[in-house]
């Protein structure tokens, strides 16, 4: 009877074997496919990031190059505005020299008009005169004392201006040449 029972109920190990896949290599192949897919996705992302990096680097290089060109142009054409303002002054001086028989009055009038043009050009280009008043405290950043003279004013103050100074905006172009009061 036992034989019949053995025949009627199959071996439990045999049942498990029949439920499992026939080849044990299939799960390993599925894992390999998954890893290959991940690797391919990672490589695609890397290529995308590399391309973005190269584009950003090229953009940075272009910006740097354009900035250098702008600075070079600014240096090259920095005096353009001032030159445009000076051309009429030169024209006036040339016209004055072409006059056949100038009188003292016409020469003086022409020089005054030319000086007005020159002053206007200086103002438009922020070229400012430095002319300290007598008694003003000596400023070594704007004035150059070439002599100390006895005077009835406080020491280290301006006595006389020998030559005007000039500033462009806030930068000293030429100091005013002055004489200063010596200490008593």
C-alpha atoms as a PDB file:
ATOM      1  CA  UNK A   1       0.000   0.000   0.000  1.00  0.00           C
ATOM      2  CA  UNK A   2       2.740   2.226   0.680  1.00  0.00           C
ATOM      3  CA  UNK A   3       3.794   1.803  -2.858  1.00  0.00           C
ATOM      4  CA  UNK A   4       0.509   3.083  -4.000  1.00  0.00           C
ATOM      5  CA  UNK A   5       0.726   6.089  -1.717  1.00  0.00           C
ATOM      6  CA  UNK A   6       4.184   6.814  -2.999  1.00  0.00           C
ATOM      7  CA  UNK A   7       2.905   6.630  -6.482  1.00  0.00           C
ATOM      8  CA  UNK A   8      -0.184   8.722  -5.755  1.00  0.00           C
ATOM      9  CA  UNK A   9       1.669  11.561  -4.041  1.00  0.00           C
ATOM     10  CA  UNK A  10       4.728  12.638  -5.846  1.00  0.00           C
ATOM     11  CA  UNK A  11       7.960  13.552  -4.100  1.00  0.00           C
ATOM     12  CA  UNK A  12       7.882  17.139  -2.765  1.00  0.00           C
ATOM     13  CA  UNK A  13      11.422  17.768  -4.033  1.00  0.00           C
ATOM     14  CA  UNK A  14      10.279  16.852  -7.504  1.00  0.00           C
ATOM     15  CA  UNK A  15       7.419  19.361  -7.245  1.00  0.00           C
ATOM     16  CA  UNK A  16       9.842  22.173  -6.393  1.00  0.00           C
ATOM     17  CA  UNK A  17      12.132  21.241  -9.220  1.00  0.00           C
ATOM     18  CA  UNK A  18       9.314  21.339 -11.731  1.00  0.00           C
ATOM     19  CA  UNK A  19       8.115  24.786 -10.479  1.00  0.00           C
ATOM     20  CA  UNK A  20      11.544  26.415 -10.902  1.00  0.00           C
ATOM     21  CA  UNK A  21      12.851  27.600 -14.258  1.00  0.00           C
ATOM     22  CA  UNK A  22      14.600  25.034 -16.278  1.00  0.00           C
ATOM     23  CA  UNK A  23      17.903  26.985 -16.601  1.00  0.00           C
ATOM     24  CA  UNK A  24      19.611  28.602 -13.632  1.00  0.00           C
ATOM     25  CA  UNK A  25      21.428  31.168 -15.925  1.00  0.00           C
ATOM     26  CA  UNK A  26      18.279  33.217 -16.675  1.00  0.00           C
ATOM     27  CA  UNK A  27      18.261  35.358 -13.474  1.00  0.00           C
ATOM     28  CA  UNK A  28      21.929  36.250 -13.981  1.00  0.00           C
ATOM     29  CA  UNK A  29      21.178  37.325 -17.537  1.00  0.00           C
ATOM     30  CA  UNK A  30      18.351  39.590 -16.331  1.00  0.00           C
ATOM     31  CA  UNK A  31      20.681  41.201 -13.790  1.00  0.00           C
ATOM     32  CA  UNK A  32      23.321  41.762 -16.486  1.00  0.00           C
ATOM     33  CA  UNK A  33      20.765  43.438 -18.757  1.00  0.00           C
ATOM     34  CA  UNK A  34      19.776  45.744 -15.930  1.00  0.00           C
ATOM     35  CA  UNK A  35      23.406  46.695 -15.270  1.00  0.00           C
ATOM     36  CA  UNK A  36      24.044  47.254 -18.980  1.00  0.00           C
ATOM     37  CA  UNK A  37      20.996  49.507 -19.153  1.00  0.00           C
ATOM     38  CA  UNK A  38      22.202  51.494 -16.133  1.00  0.00           C
ATOM     39  CA  UNK A  39      25.665  51.796 -17.647  1.00  0.00           C
ATOM     40  CA  UNK A  40      24.252  52.996 -20.972  1.00  0.00           C
ATOM     41  CA  UNK A  41      22.033  55.556 -19.188  1.00  0.00           C
ATOM     42  CA  UNK A  42      24.983  56.774 -17.114  1.00  0.00           C
ATOM     43  CA  UNK A  43      27.197  57.066 -20.203  1.00  0.00           C
ATOM     44  CA  UNK A  44      24.469  59.045 -22.006  1.00  0.00           C
ATOM     45  CA  UNK A  45      24.132  61.361 -19.021  1.00  0.00           C
ATOM     46  CA  UNK A  46      27.925  61.761 -18.881  1.00  0.00           C
ATOM     47  CA  UNK A  47      28.047  62.661 -22.575  1.00  0.00           C
ATOM     48  CA  UNK A  48      25.245  65.200 -22.039  1.00  0.00           C
ATOM     49  CA  UNK A  49      27.056  66.759 -19.062  1.00  0.00           C
ATOM     50  CA  UNK A  50      30.337  66.850 -20.988  1.00  0.00           C
ATOM     51  CA  UNK A  51      28.646  68.652 -23.888  1.00  0.00           C
ATOM     52  CA  UNK A  52      27.042  71.149 -21.467  1.00  0.00           C
ATOM     53  CA  UNK A  53      30.448  71.732 -19.861  1.00  0.00           C
ATOM     54  CA  UNK A  54      32.099  72.348 -23.248  1.00  0.00           C
ATOM     55  CA  UNK A  55      29.332  74.801 -24.211  1.00  0.00           C
ATOM     56  CA  UNK A  56      29.685  76.677 -20.913  1.00  0.00           C
ATOM     57  CA  UNK A  57      33.454  76.817 -21.307  1.00  0.00           C
ATOM     58  CA  UNK A  58      33.123  78.151 -24.868  1.00  0.00           C
ATOM     59  CA  UNK A  59      30.609  80.763 -23.675  1.00  0.00           C
ATOM     60  CA  UNK A  60      33.019  81.858 -20.934  1.00  0.00           C
ATOM     61  CA  UNK A  61      35.846  82.130 -23.461  1.00  0.00           C
ATOM     62  CA  UNK A  62      33.636  84.195 -25.784  1.00  0.00           C
ATOM     63  CA  UNK A  63      32.652  86.565 -22.976  1.00  0.00           C
ATOM     64  CA  UNK A  64      36.304  86.990 -21.957  1.00  0.00           C
ATOM     65  CA  UNK A  65      37.350  87.648 -25.579  1.00  0.00           C
ATOM     66  CA  UNK A  66      34.552  90.208 -26.102  1.00  0.00           C
ATOM     67  CA  UNK A  67      35.491  91.982 -22.867  1.00  0.00           C
ATOM     68  CA  UNK A  68      39.135  92.182 -23.963  1.00  0.00           C
ATOM     69  CA  UNK A  69      38.061  93.592 -27.338  1.00  0.00           C
ATOM     70  CA  UNK A  70      35.851  96.177 -25.589  1.00  0.00           C
ATOM     71  CA  UNK A  71      38.728  97.262 -23.346  1.00  0.00           C
ATOM     72  CA  UNK A  72      41.066  97.508 -26.347  1.00  0.00           C
ATOM     73  CA  UNK A  73      38.495  99.635 -28.217  1.00  0.00           C
ATOM     74  CA  UNK A  74      37.986 101.829 -25.150  1.00  0.00           C
ATOM     75  CA  UNK A  75      41.744 102.469 -24.961  1.00  0.00           C
ATOM     76  CA  UNK A  76      41.989 103.073 -28.688  1.00  0.00           C
ATOM     77  CA  UNK A  77      39.078 105.497 -28.868  1.00  0.00           C
ATOM     78  CA  UNK A  78      39.278 107.034 -25.372  1.00  0.00           C
ATOM     79  CA  UNK A  79      40.286 110.431 -26.726  1.00  0.00           C
ATOM     80  CA  UNK A  80      37.692 110.432 -29.508  1.00  0.00           C
ATOM     81  CA  UNK A  81      35.275 112.707 -27.629  1.00  0.00           C
ATOM     82  CA  UNK A  82      38.032 115.126 -26.684  1.00  0.00           C
ATOM     83  CA  UNK A  83      39.429 115.112 -30.223  1.00  0.00           C
ATOM     84  CA  UNK A  84      35.982 115.935 -31.633  1.00  0.00           C
ATOM     85  CA  UNK A  85      35.767 118.909 -29.274  1.00  0.00           C
ATOM     86  CA  UNK A  86      39.266 120.108 -30.226  1.00  0.00           C
ATOM     87  CA  UNK A  87      38.768 120.092 -34.015  1.00  0.00           C
ATOM     88  CA  UNK A  88      36.741 123.363 -34.048  1.00  0.00           C
ATOM     89  CA  UNK A  89      39.442 125.034 -31.943  1.00  0.00           C
ATOM     90  CA  UNK A  90      42.071 124.048 -34.498  1.00  0.00           C
ATOM     91  CA  UNK A  91      39.815 125.270 -37.324  1.00  0.00           C
ATOM     92  CA  UNK A  92      39.484 128.668 -35.627  1.00  0.00           C
ATOM     93  CA  UNK A  93      43.249 128.993 -35.196  1.00  0.00           C
ATOM     94  CA  UNK A  94      43.853 128.083 -38.844  1.00  0.00           C
ATOM     95  CA  UNK A  95      41.261 130.633 -39.999  1.00  0.00           C
ATOM     96  CA  UNK A  96      42.958 133.298 -37.885  1.00  0.00           C
ATOM     97  CA  UNK A  97      46.252 132.603 -39.639  1.00  0.00           C
ATOM     98  CA  UNK A  98      44.611 132.991 -43.081  1.00  0.00           C
ATOM     99  CA  UNK A  99      43.492 136.572 -42.433  1.00  0.00           C
ATOM    100  CA  UNK A 100      45.475 138.854 -44.779  1.00  0.00           C
ATOM    101  CA  UNK A 101      45.609 142.066 -42.754  1.00  0.00           C
ATOM    102  CA  UNK A 102      44.528 141.375 -39.179  1.00  0.00           C
ATOM    103  CA  UNK A 103      44.034 144.254 -36.780  1.00  0.00           C
ATOM    104  CA  UNK A 104      44.845 144.069 -33.115  1.00  0.00           C
ATOM    105  CA  UNK A 105      41.134 144.176 -32.272  1.00  0.00           C
ATOM    106  CA  UNK A 106      40.199 141.383 -34.711  1.00  0.00           C
ATOM    107  CA  UNK A 107      43.095 139.231 -33.455  1.00  0.00           C
ATOM    108  CA  UNK A 108      42.029 139.778 -29.829  1.00  0.00           C
ATOM    109  CA  UNK A 109      38.404 138.990 -30.663  1.00  0.00           C
ATOM    110  CA  UNK A 110      39.439 135.817 -32.526  1.00  0.00           C
ATOM    111  CA  UNK A 111      41.655 134.658 -29.659  1.00  0.00           C
ATOM    112  CA  UNK A 112      38.841 135.259 -27.150  1.00  0.00           C
ATOM    113  CA  UNK A 113      36.384 133.256 -29.282  1.00  0.00           C
ATOM    114  CA  UNK A 114      38.904 130.441 -29.675  1.00  0.00           C
ATOM    115  CA  UNK A 115      39.511 130.427 -25.918  1.00  0.00           C
ATOM    116  CA  UNK A 116      35.737 130.113 -25.353  1.00  0.00           C
ATOM    117  CA  UNK A 117      35.675 127.121 -27.707  1.00  0.00           C
ATOM    118  CA  UNK A 118      38.607 125.589 -25.850  1.00  0.00           C
ATOM    119  CA  UNK A 119      36.994 126.137 -22.439  1.00  0.00           C
ATOM    120  CA  UNK A 120      33.761 124.598 -23.745  1.00  0.00           C
ATOM    121  CA  UNK A 121      35.692 121.558 -24.993  1.00  0.00           C
ATOM    122  CA  UNK A 122      37.383 121.233 -21.591  1.00  0.00           C
ATOM    123  CA  UNK A 123      34.034 121.390 -19.760  1.00  0.00           C
ATOM    124  CA  UNK A 124      32.388 118.770 -21.969  1.00  0.00           C
ATOM    125  CA  UNK A 125      35.288 116.408 -21.324  1.00  0.00           C
ATOM    126  CA  UNK A 126      35.479 117.120 -17.574  1.00  0.00           C
ATOM    127  CA  UNK A 127      38.889 118.779 -17.785  1.00  0.00           C
ATOM    128  CA  UNK A 128      38.844 121.098 -14.772  1.00  0.00           C
ATOM    129  CA  UNK A 129      41.269 123.908 -13.962  1.00  0.00           C
ATOM    130  CA  UNK A 130      43.036 123.858 -10.592  1.00  0.00           C
ATOM    131  CA  UNK A 131      43.572 127.508  -9.606  1.00  0.00           C
ATOM    132  CA  UNK A 132      43.969 127.899  -5.851  1.00  0.00           C
ATOM    133  CA  UNK A 133      43.141 131.287  -4.369  1.00  0.00           C
ATOM    134  CA  UNK A 134      45.740 133.268  -2.418  1.00  0.00           C
ATOM    135  CA  UNK A 135      45.618 132.164   1.213  1.00  0.00           C
ATOM    136  CA  UNK A 136      44.234 128.710   0.410  1.00  0.00           C
ATOM    137  CA  UNK A 137      45.883 125.858   2.305  1.00  0.00           C
ATOM    138  CA  UNK A 138      48.560 124.121   0.230  1.00  0.00           C
ATOM    139  CA  UNK A 139      47.226 120.749  -0.971  1.00  0.00           C
ATOM    140  CA  UNK A 140      50.095 118.455  -2.059  1.00  0.00           C
ATOM    141  CA  UNK A 141      47.573 116.367  -4.021  1.00  0.00           C
ATOM    142  CA  UNK A 142      46.711 119.327  -6.285  1.00  0.00           C
ATOM    143  CA  UNK A 143      49.457 121.923  -5.811  1.00  0.00           C
ATOM    144  CA  UNK A 144      53.210 121.932  -6.287  1.00  0.00           C
ATOM    145  CA  UNK A 145      55.083 124.587  -4.330  1.00  0.00           C
ATOM    146  CA  UNK A 146      58.247 125.643  -6.129  1.00  0.00           C
ATOM    147  CA  UNK A 147      59.270 128.329  -3.643  1.00  0.00           C
ATOM    148  CA  UNK A 148      58.610 129.392  -0.075  1.00  0.00           C
ATOM    149  CA  UNK A 149      58.333 133.167   0.241  1.00  0.00           C
ATOM    150  CA  UNK A 150      57.861 135.436   3.252  1.00  0.00           C
ATOM    151  CA  UNK A 151      54.235 136.577   3.420  1.00  0.00           C
ATOM    152  CA  UNK A 152      51.719 138.142   5.792  1.00  0.00           C
ATOM    153  CA  UNK A 153      49.565 135.008   5.796  1.00  0.00           C
ATOM    154  CA  UNK A 154      49.508 131.655   7.487  1.00  0.00           C
ATOM    155  CA  UNK A 155      52.406 129.281   6.761  1.00  0.00           C
ATOM    156  CA  UNK A 156      51.946 126.629   4.039  1.00  0.00           C
ATOM    157  CA  UNK A 157      49.268 128.587   2.213  1.00  0.00           C
ATOM    158  CA  UNK A 158      49.260 129.671  -1.422  1.00  0.00           C
ATOM    159  CA  UNK A 159      50.779 133.100  -2.071  1.00  0.00           C
ATOM    160  CA  UNK A 160      50.660 133.159  -5.891  1.00  0.00           C
ATOM    161  CA  UNK A 161      49.789 130.820  -8.747  1.00  0.00           C
ATOM    162  CA  UNK A 162      52.550 130.584 -11.350  1.00  0.00           C
ATOM    163  CA  UNK A 163      50.788 128.035 -13.569  1.00  0.00           C
ATOM    164  CA  UNK A 164      47.276 126.556 -13.474  1.00  0.00           C
ATOM    165  CA  UNK A 165      46.838 122.877 -12.823  1.00  0.00           C
ATOM    166  CA  UNK A 166      44.315 120.534 -14.436  1.00  0.00           C
ATOM    167  CA  UNK A 167      42.251 117.539 -13.391  1.00  0.00           C
ATOM    168  CA  UNK A 168      40.329 115.066 -15.529  1.00  0.00           C
ATOM    169  CA  UNK A 169      37.254 114.205 -13.495  1.00  0.00           C
ATOM    170  CA  UNK A 170      38.813 113.310 -10.110  1.00  0.00           C
ATOM    171  CA  UNK A 171      42.303 112.534 -11.405  1.00  0.00           C
ATOM    172  CA  UNK A 172      45.132 115.056 -11.357  1.00  0.00           C
ATOM    173  CA  UNK A 173      46.579 115.711 -14.798  1.00  0.00           C
ATOM    174  CA  UNK A 174      48.984 118.495 -13.816  1.00  0.00           C
ATOM    175  CA  UNK A 175      49.396 120.159 -10.412  1.00  0.00           C
ATOM    176  CA  UNK A 176      49.087 123.907 -10.043  1.00  0.00           C
ATOM    177  CA  UNK A 177      52.553 125.454  -9.703  1.00  0.00           C
ATOM    178  CA  UNK A 178      52.467 127.869  -6.754  1.00  0.00           C
ATOM    179  CA  UNK A 179      54.580 129.787  -4.302  1.00  0.00           C
ATOM    180  CA  UNK A 180      53.785 129.166  -0.655  1.00  0.00           C
ATOM    181  CA  UNK A 181      54.093 131.220   2.508  1.00  0.00           C
ATOM    182  CA  UNK A 182      57.049 130.225   4.630  1.00  0.00           C
ATOM    183  CA  UNK A 183      56.724 129.764   8.355  1.00  0.00           C
ATOM    184  CA  UNK A 184      57.346 132.902  10.424  1.00  0.00           C
END
